[in-house]
Structure formats: C-alpha cells, structure tokens
Amino acid sequence: LEHDRRLADAASDHVVAQGRTGEIGHGAPG
C-alpha cells in the first residue's frame, strides 16, 4: 500500500480524539 499523508492525518485525528477521552471504536456512522 502506498502511504498517504492525508490518510495518516485523518487517522491521527482519531488517535488524538480517542486517546484523551479513553473512547473506543470508529465513532458514529459516517
């Protein structure tokens, strides 16, 4: 798979959001 910085940034957004709250999962649909 080719690395894409935008996808990594989107993944990072989720890491930051869940990391500080302790939540798990992919979030709400969509």
PDB file of all heavy atoms in Angstrom:
ATOM      1  N   LEU A   1       0.858  -1.181   0.000  1.00  0.00           N
ATOM      2  CA  LEU A   1       0.000   0.000   0.000  1.00  0.00           C
ATOM      3  C   LEU A   1       0.897   1.235   0.000  1.00  0.00           C
ATOM      4  O   LEU A   1       1.913   1.276   0.689  1.00  0.00           O
ATOM      5  CB  LEU A   1      -0.886   0.013   1.245  1.00  0.00           C
ATOM      6  CG  LEU A   1      -1.891  -1.126   1.363  1.00  0.00           C
ATOM      7  CD1 LEU A   1      -2.478  -1.167   2.760  1.00  0.00           C
ATOM      8  CD2 LEU A   1      -2.984  -0.975   0.324  1.00  0.00           C
ATOM      9  N   GLU A   2       0.495   2.233  -0.735  1.00  0.00           N
ATOM     10  CA  GLU A   2       1.230   3.488  -0.762  1.00  0.00           C
ATOM     11  C   GLU A   2       0.826   4.323   0.460  1.00  0.00           C
ATOM     12  O   GLU A   2      -0.352   4.370   0.827  1.00  0.00           O
ATOM     13  CB  GLU A   2       0.872   4.233  -2.051  1.00  0.00           C
ATOM     14  CG  GLU A   2       1.617   5.519  -2.253  1.00  0.00           C
ATOM     15  CD  GLU A   2       1.196   6.211  -3.542  1.00  0.00           C
ATOM     16  OE1 GLU A   2       0.823   5.514  -4.505  1.00  0.00           O
ATOM     17  OE2 GLU A   2       1.227   7.449  -3.563  1.00  0.00           O
ATOM     18  N   HIS A   3       1.787   4.954   1.085  1.00  0.00           N
ATOM     19  CA  HIS A   3       1.499   5.829   2.223  1.00  0.00           C
ATOM     20  C   HIS A   3       0.872   7.121   1.718  1.00  0.00           C
ATOM     21  O   HIS A   3       1.326   7.702   0.738  1.00  0.00           O
ATOM     22  CB  HIS A   3       2.788   6.143   2.983  1.00  0.00           C
ATOM     23  CG  HIS A   3       2.574   7.131   4.089  1.00  0.00           C
ATOM     24  ND1 HIS A   3       2.821   8.475   3.938  1.00  0.00           N
ATOM     25  CD2 HIS A   3       2.117   6.966   5.348  1.00  0.00           C
ATOM     26  CE1 HIS A   3       2.538   9.093   5.062  1.00  0.00           C
ATOM     27  NE2 HIS A   3       2.106   8.205   5.935  1.00  0.00           N
ATOM     28  N   ASP A   4      -0.180   7.566   2.395  1.00  0.00           N
ATOM     29  CA  ASP A   4      -0.810   8.838   2.071  1.00  0.00           C
ATOM     30  C   ASP A   4      -0.881   9.689   3.329  1.00  0.00           C
ATOM     31  O   ASP A   4      -1.473   9.267   4.334  1.00  0.00           O
ATOM     32  CB  ASP A   4      -2.212   8.615   1.498  1.00  0.00           C
ATOM     33  CG  ASP A   4      -2.840   9.910   1.014  1.00  0.00           C
ATOM     34  OD1 ASP A   4      -2.636  10.259  -0.162  1.00  0.00           O
ATOM     35  OD2 ASP A   4      -3.506  10.590   1.832  1.00  0.00           O
ATOM     36  N   ARG A   5      -0.259  10.846   3.269  1.00  0.00           N
ATOM     37  CA  ARG A   5      -0.180  11.742   4.431  1.00  0.00           C
ATOM     38  C   ARG A   5      -1.561  12.178   4.900  1.00  0.00           C
ATOM     39  O   ARG A   5      -1.815  12.302   6.100  1.00  0.00           O
ATOM     40  CB  ARG A   5       0.662  12.968   4.048  1.00  0.00           C
ATOM     41  CG  ARG A   5       0.835  13.985   5.163  1.00  0.00           C
ATOM     42  CD  ARG A   5       1.882  13.532   6.156  1.00  0.00           C
ATOM     43  NE  ARG A   5       1.224  13.199   7.413  1.00  0.00           N
ATOM     44  CZ  ARG A   5       1.683  12.359   8.323  1.00  0.00           C
ATOM     45  NH1 ARG A   5       2.809  11.722   8.141  1.00  0.00           N
ATOM     46  NH2 ARG A   5       1.044  12.127   9.436  1.00  0.00           N
ATOM     47  N   ARG A   6      -2.484  12.403   3.963  1.00  0.00           N
ATOM     48  CA  ARG A   6      -3.834  12.834   4.351  1.00  0.00           C
ATOM     49  C   ARG A   6      -4.557  11.744   5.138  1.00  0.00           C
ATOM     50  O   ARG A   6      -5.254  12.038   6.115  1.00  0.00           O
ATOM     51  CB  ARG A   6      -4.636  13.226   3.119  1.00  0.00           C
ATOM     52  CG  ARG A   6      -4.034  14.433   2.382  1.00  0.00           C
ATOM     53  CD  ARG A   6      -4.665  14.655   1.043  1.00  0.00           C
ATOM     54  NE  ARG A   6      -4.473  13.471   0.209  1.00  0.00           N
ATOM     55  CZ  ARG A   6      -5.070  13.271  -0.946  1.00  0.00           C
ATOM     56  NH1 ARG A   6      -5.905  14.154  -1.431  1.00  0.00           N
ATOM     57  NH2 ARG A   6      -4.830  12.176  -1.649  1.00  0.00           N
ATOM     58  N   LEU A   7      -4.378  10.502   4.733  1.00  0.00           N
ATOM     59  CA  LEU A   7      -4.981   9.399   5.487  1.00  0.00           C
ATOM     60  C   LEU A   7      -4.336   9.281   6.868  1.00  0.00           C
ATOM     61  O   LEU A   7      -5.024   9.031   7.861  1.00  0.00           O
ATOM     62  CB  LEU A   7      -4.852   8.089   4.719  1.00  0.00           C
ATOM     63  CG  LEU A   7      -5.673   7.975   3.441  1.00  0.00           C
ATOM     64  CD1 LEU A   7      -5.329   6.685   2.707  1.00  0.00           C
ATOM     65  CD2 LEU A   7      -7.155   8.034   3.731  1.00  0.00           C
ATOM     66  N   ALA A   8      -3.026   9.461   6.917  1.00  0.00           N
ATOM     67  CA  ALA A   8      -2.336   9.424   8.213  1.00  0.00           C
ATOM     68  C   ALA A   8      -2.828  10.548   9.114  1.00  0.00           C
ATOM     69  O   ALA A   8      -3.009  10.350  10.322  1.00  0.00           O
ATOM     70  CB  ALA A   8      -0.823   9.506   8.011  1.00  0.00           C
ATOM     71  N   ASP A   9      -3.067  11.722   8.542  1.00  0.00           N
ATOM     72  CA  ASP A   9      -3.581  12.843   9.340  1.00  0.00           C
ATOM     73  C   ASP A   9      -4.993  12.559   9.846  1.00  0.00           C
ATOM     74  O   ASP A   9      -5.327  12.888  10.996  1.00  0.00           O
ATOM     75  CB  ASP A   9      -3.562  14.133   8.524  1.00  0.00           C
ATOM     76  CG  ASP A   9      -2.157  14.668   8.280  1.00  0.00           C
ATOM     77  OD1 ASP A   9      -1.208  14.239   8.987  1.00  0.00           O
ATOM     78  OD2 ASP A   9      -2.010  15.517   7.381  1.00  0.00           O
ATOM     79  N   ALA A  10      -5.831  11.937   9.011  1.00  0.00           N
ATOM     80  CA  ALA A  10      -7.184  11.567   9.446  1.00  0.00           C
ATOM     81  C   ALA A  10      -7.109  10.527  10.568  1.00  0.00           C
ATOM     82  O   ALA A  10      -7.859  10.597  11.552  1.00  0.00           O
ATOM     83  CB  ALA A  10      -7.999  11.036   8.270  1.00  0.00           C
ATOM     84  N   ALA A  11      -6.196   9.565  10.429  1.00  0.00           N
ATOM     85  CA  ALA A  11      -6.001   8.565  11.485  1.00  0.00           C
ATOM     86  C   ALA A  11      -5.524   9.243  12.769  1.00  0.00           C
ATOM     87  O   ALA A  11      -5.981   8.920  13.872  1.00  0.00           O
ATOM     88  CB  ALA A  11      -5.000   7.508  11.025  1.00  0.00           C
ATOM     89  N   SER A  12      -4.626  10.205  12.617  1.00  0.00           N
ATOM     90  CA  SER A  12      -4.112  10.940  13.783  1.00  0.00           C
ATOM     91  C   SER A  12      -5.225  11.707  14.490  1.00  0.00           C
ATOM     92  O   SER A  12      -5.248  11.775  15.725  1.00  0.00           O
ATOM     93  CB  SER A  12      -2.999  11.893  13.342  1.00  0.00           C
ATOM     94  OG  SER A  12      -2.494  12.592  14.446  1.00  0.00           O
ATOM     95  N   ASP A  13      -6.131  12.283  13.723  1.00  0.00           N
ATOM     96  CA  ASP A  13      -7.266  12.988  14.340  1.00  0.00           C
ATOM     97  C   ASP A  13      -8.036  12.052  15.263  1.00  0.00           C
ATOM     98  O   ASP A  13      -8.445  12.440  16.367  1.00  0.00           O
ATOM     99  CB  ASP A  13      -8.216  13.523  13.261  1.00  0.00           C
ATOM    100  CG  ASP A  13      -7.619  14.638  12.424  1.00  0.00           C
ATOM    101  OD1 ASP A  13      -6.605  15.249  12.841  1.00  0.00           O
ATOM    102  OD2 ASP A  13      -8.165  14.897  11.327  1.00  0.00           O
ATOM    103  N   HIS A  14      -8.230  10.810  14.826  1.00  0.00           N
ATOM    104  CA  HIS A  14      -8.968   9.841  15.633  1.00  0.00           C
ATOM    105  C   HIS A  14      -8.151   9.398  16.848  1.00  0.00           C
ATOM    106  O   HIS A  14      -8.694   9.237  17.939  1.00  0.00           O
ATOM    107  CB  HIS A  14      -9.371   8.648  14.769  1.00  0.00           C
ATOM    108  CG  HIS A  14     -10.538   7.891  15.294  1.00  0.00           C
ATOM    109  ND1 HIS A  14     -11.727   8.474  15.663  1.00  0.00           N
ATOM    110  CD2 HIS A  14     -10.711   6.559  15.522  1.00  0.00           C
ATOM    111  CE1 HIS A  14     -12.569   7.561  16.091  1.00  0.00           C
ATOM    112  NE2 HIS A  14     -11.966   6.381  16.018  1.00  0.00           N
ATOM    113  N   VAL A  15      -6.849   9.218  16.657  1.00  0.00           N
ATOM    114  CA  VAL A  15      -5.969   8.859  17.771  1.00  0.00           C
ATOM    115  C   VAL A  15      -6.032   9.926  18.858  1.00  0.00           C
ATOM    116  O   VAL A  15      -6.198   9.621  20.041  1.00  0.00           O
ATOM    117  CB  VAL A  15      -4.510   8.661  17.281  1.00  0.00           C
ATOM    118  CG1 VAL A  15      -3.534   8.624  18.453  1.00  0.00           C
ATOM    119  CG2 VAL A  15      -4.389   7.390  16.451  1.00  0.00           C
ATOM    120  N   VAL A  16      -5.910  11.177  18.478  1.00  0.00           N
ATOM    121  CA  VAL A  16      -5.926  12.280  19.440  1.00  0.00           C
ATOM    122  C   VAL A  16      -7.270  12.350  20.156  1.00  0.00           C
ATOM    123  O   VAL A  16      -7.328  12.461  21.385  1.00  0.00           O
ATOM    124  CB  VAL A  16      -5.596  13.619  18.742  1.00  0.00           C
ATOM    125  CG1 VAL A  16      -5.856  14.799  19.662  1.00  0.00           C
ATOM    126  CG2 VAL A  16      -4.152  13.625  18.262  1.00  0.00           C
ATOM    127  N   ALA A  17      -8.361  12.264  19.395  1.00  0.00           N
ATOM    128  CA  ALA A  17      -9.698  12.364  19.991  1.00  0.00           C
ATOM    129  C   ALA A  17      -9.963  11.238  20.982  1.00  0.00           C
ATOM    130  O   ALA A  17     -10.436  11.483  22.096  1.00  0.00           O
ATOM    131  CB  ALA A  17     -10.761  12.369  18.890  1.00  0.00           C
ATOM    132  N   GLN A  18      -9.657  10.004  20.593  1.00  0.00           N
ATOM    133  CA  GLN A  18      -9.925   8.886  21.489  1.00  0.00           C
ATOM    134  C   GLN A  18      -8.890   8.747  22.586  1.00  0.00           C
ATOM    135  O   GLN A  18      -9.215   8.323  23.685  1.00  0.00           O
ATOM    136  CB  GLN A  18     -10.003   7.578  20.698  1.00  0.00           C
ATOM    137  CG  GLN A  18     -11.283   7.444  19.930  1.00  0.00           C
ATOM    138  CD  GLN A  18     -11.552   6.016  19.523  1.00  0.00           C
ATOM    139  OE1 GLN A  18     -10.661   5.168  19.493  1.00  0.00           O
ATOM    140  NE2 GLN A  18     -12.792   5.735  19.197  1.00  0.00           N
ATOM    141  N   GLY A  19      -7.671   9.078  22.271  1.00  0.00           N
ATOM    142  CA  GLY A  19      -6.599   8.908  23.247  1.00  0.00           C
ATOM    143  C   GLY A  19      -6.833   9.679  24.521  1.00  0.00           C
ATOM    144  O   GLY A  19      -6.613   9.175  25.618  1.00  0.00           O
ATOM    145  N   ARG A  20      -7.312  10.882  24.392  1.00  0.00           N
ATOM    146  CA  ARG A  20      -7.500  11.715  25.590  1.00  0.00           C
ATOM    147  C   ARG A  20      -8.790  11.406  26.335  1.00  0.00           C
ATOM    148  O   ARG A  20      -8.902  11.670  27.517  1.00  0.00           O
ATOM    149  CB  ARG A  20      -7.395  13.180  25.235  1.00  0.00           C
ATOM    150  CG  ARG A  20      -8.477  13.701  24.358  1.00  0.00           C
ATOM    151  CD  ARG A  20      -8.362  15.225  24.168  1.00  0.00           C
ATOM    152  NE  ARG A  20      -9.223  15.624  23.078  1.00  0.00           N
ATOM    153  CZ  ARG A  20      -8.807  16.193  21.973  1.00  0.00           C
ATOM    154  NH1 ARG A  20      -7.542  16.476  21.811  1.00  0.00           N
ATOM    155  NH2 ARG A  20      -9.660  16.500  21.031  1.00  0.00           N
ATOM    156  N   THR A  21      -9.806  10.829  25.633  1.00  0.00           N
ATOM    157  CA  THR A  21     -11.084  10.544  26.283  1.00  0.00           C
ATOM    158  C   THR A  21     -11.203   9.106  26.767  1.00  0.00           C
ATOM    159  O   THR A  21     -12.047   8.809  27.604  1.00  0.00           O
ATOM    160  CB  THR A  21     -12.262  10.816  25.320  1.00  0.00           C
ATOM    161  OG1 THR A  21     -12.182   9.888  24.229  1.00  0.00           O
ATOM    162  CG2 THR A  21     -12.252  12.252  24.827  1.00  0.00           C
ATOM    163  N   GLY A  22     -10.393   8.209  26.185  1.00  0.00           N
ATOM    164  CA  GLY A  22     -10.499   6.800  26.531  1.00  0.00           C
ATOM    165  C   GLY A  22     -11.569   6.062  25.750  1.00  0.00           C
ATOM    166  O   GLY A  22     -11.826   4.889  26.006  1.00  0.00           O
ATOM    167  N   GLU A  23     -12.202   6.748  24.803  1.00  0.00           N
ATOM    168  CA  GLU A  23     -13.225   6.090  23.993  1.00  0.00           C
ATOM    169  C   GLU A  23     -12.597   5.005  23.126  1.00  0.00           C
ATOM    170  O   GLU A  23     -11.384   4.980  22.913  1.00  0.00           O
ATOM    171  CB  GLU A  23     -13.906   7.109  23.080  1.00  0.00           C
ATOM    172  CG  GLU A  23     -14.740   8.122  23.828  1.00  0.00           C
ATOM    173  CD  GLU A  23     -15.351   9.147  22.887  1.00  0.00           C
ATOM    174  OE1 GLU A  23     -15.905   8.742  21.842  1.00  0.00           O
ATOM    175  OE2 GLU A  23     -15.254  10.338  23.208  1.00  0.00           O
ATOM    176  N   ILE A  24     -13.458   4.124  22.620  1.00  0.00           N
ATOM    177  CA  ILE A  24     -13.028   3.089  21.677  1.00  0.00           C
ATOM    178  C   ILE A  24     -14.014   3.057  20.522  1.00  0.00           C
ATOM    179  O   ILE A  24     -15.128   3.580  20.629  1.00  0.00           O
ATOM    180  CB  ILE A  24     -12.921   1.697  22.337  1.00  0.00           C
ATOM    181  CG1 ILE A  24     -14.269   1.246  22.899  1.00  0.00           C
ATOM    182  CG2 ILE A  24     -11.851   1.699  23.424  1.00  0.00           C
ATOM    183  CD1 ILE A  24     -14.294  -0.197  23.354  1.00  0.00           C
ATOM    184  N   GLY A  25     -13.604   2.459  19.424  1.00  0.00           N
ATOM    185  CA  GLY A  25     -14.483   2.290  18.275  1.00  0.00           C
ATOM    186  C   GLY A  25     -14.211   3.304  17.178  1.00  0.00           C
ATOM    187  O   GLY A  25     -13.322   4.139  17.270  1.00  0.00           O
ATOM    188  N   HIS A  26     -15.027   3.207  16.138  1.00  0.00           N
ATOM    189  CA  HIS A  26     -14.832   4.021  14.940  1.00  0.00           C
ATOM    190  C   HIS A  26     -15.631   5.313  14.966  1.00  0.00           C
ATOM    191  O   HIS A  26     -15.514   6.122  14.060  1.00  0.00           O
ATOM    192  CB  HIS A  26     -15.193   3.196  13.702  1.00  0.00           C
ATOM    193  CG  HIS A  26     -14.364   1.966  13.578  1.00  0.00           C
ATOM    194  ND1 HIS A  26     -13.078   1.977  13.095  1.00  0.00           N
ATOM    195  CD2 HIS A  26     -14.629   0.675  13.908  1.00  0.00           C
ATOM    196  CE1 HIS A  26     -12.585   0.756  13.122  1.00  0.00           C
ATOM    197  NE2 HIS A  26     -13.497  -0.054  13.613  1.00  0.00           N
ATOM    198  N   GLY A  27     -16.445   5.514  15.986  1.00  0.00           N
ATOM    199  CA  GLY A  27     -17.276   6.710  16.067  1.00  0.00           C
ATOM    200  C   GLY A  27     -18.648   6.452  15.465  1.00  0.00           C
ATOM    201  O   GLY A  27     -18.982   5.350  15.054  1.00  0.00           O
ATOM    202  N   ALA A  28     -19.429   7.512  15.399  1.00  0.00           N
ATOM    203  CA  ALA A  28     -20.789   7.421  14.853  1.00  0.00           C
ATOM    204  C   ALA A  28     -20.728   7.057  13.370  1.00  0.00           C
ATOM    205  O   ALA A  28     -19.711   7.299  12.714  1.00  0.00           O
ATOM    206  CB  ALA A  28     -21.501   8.758  15.045  1.00  0.00           C
ATOM    207  N   PRO A  29     -21.794   6.475  12.845  1.00  0.00           N
ATOM    208  CA  PRO A  29     -21.810   6.174  11.414  1.00  0.00           C
ATOM    209  C   PRO A  29     -21.438   7.416  10.593  1.00  0.00           C
ATOM    210  O   PRO A  29     -21.910   8.511  10.867  1.00  0.00           O
ATOM    211  CB  PRO A  29     -23.261   5.747  11.154  1.00  0.00           C
ATOM    212  CG  PRO A  29     -23.721   5.204  12.475  1.00  0.00           C
ATOM    213  CD  PRO A  29     -23.035   6.064  13.512  1.00  0.00           C
ATOM    214  N   GLY A  30     -20.577   7.211   9.637  1.00  0.00           N
ATOM    215  CA  GLY A  30     -20.130   8.314   8.793  1.00  0.00           C
ATOM    216  C   GLY A  30     -18.926   9.071   9.323  1.00  0.00           C
ATOM    217  O   GLY A  30     -18.406   9.960   8.647  1.00  0.00           O
TER     218      GLY A  30
END
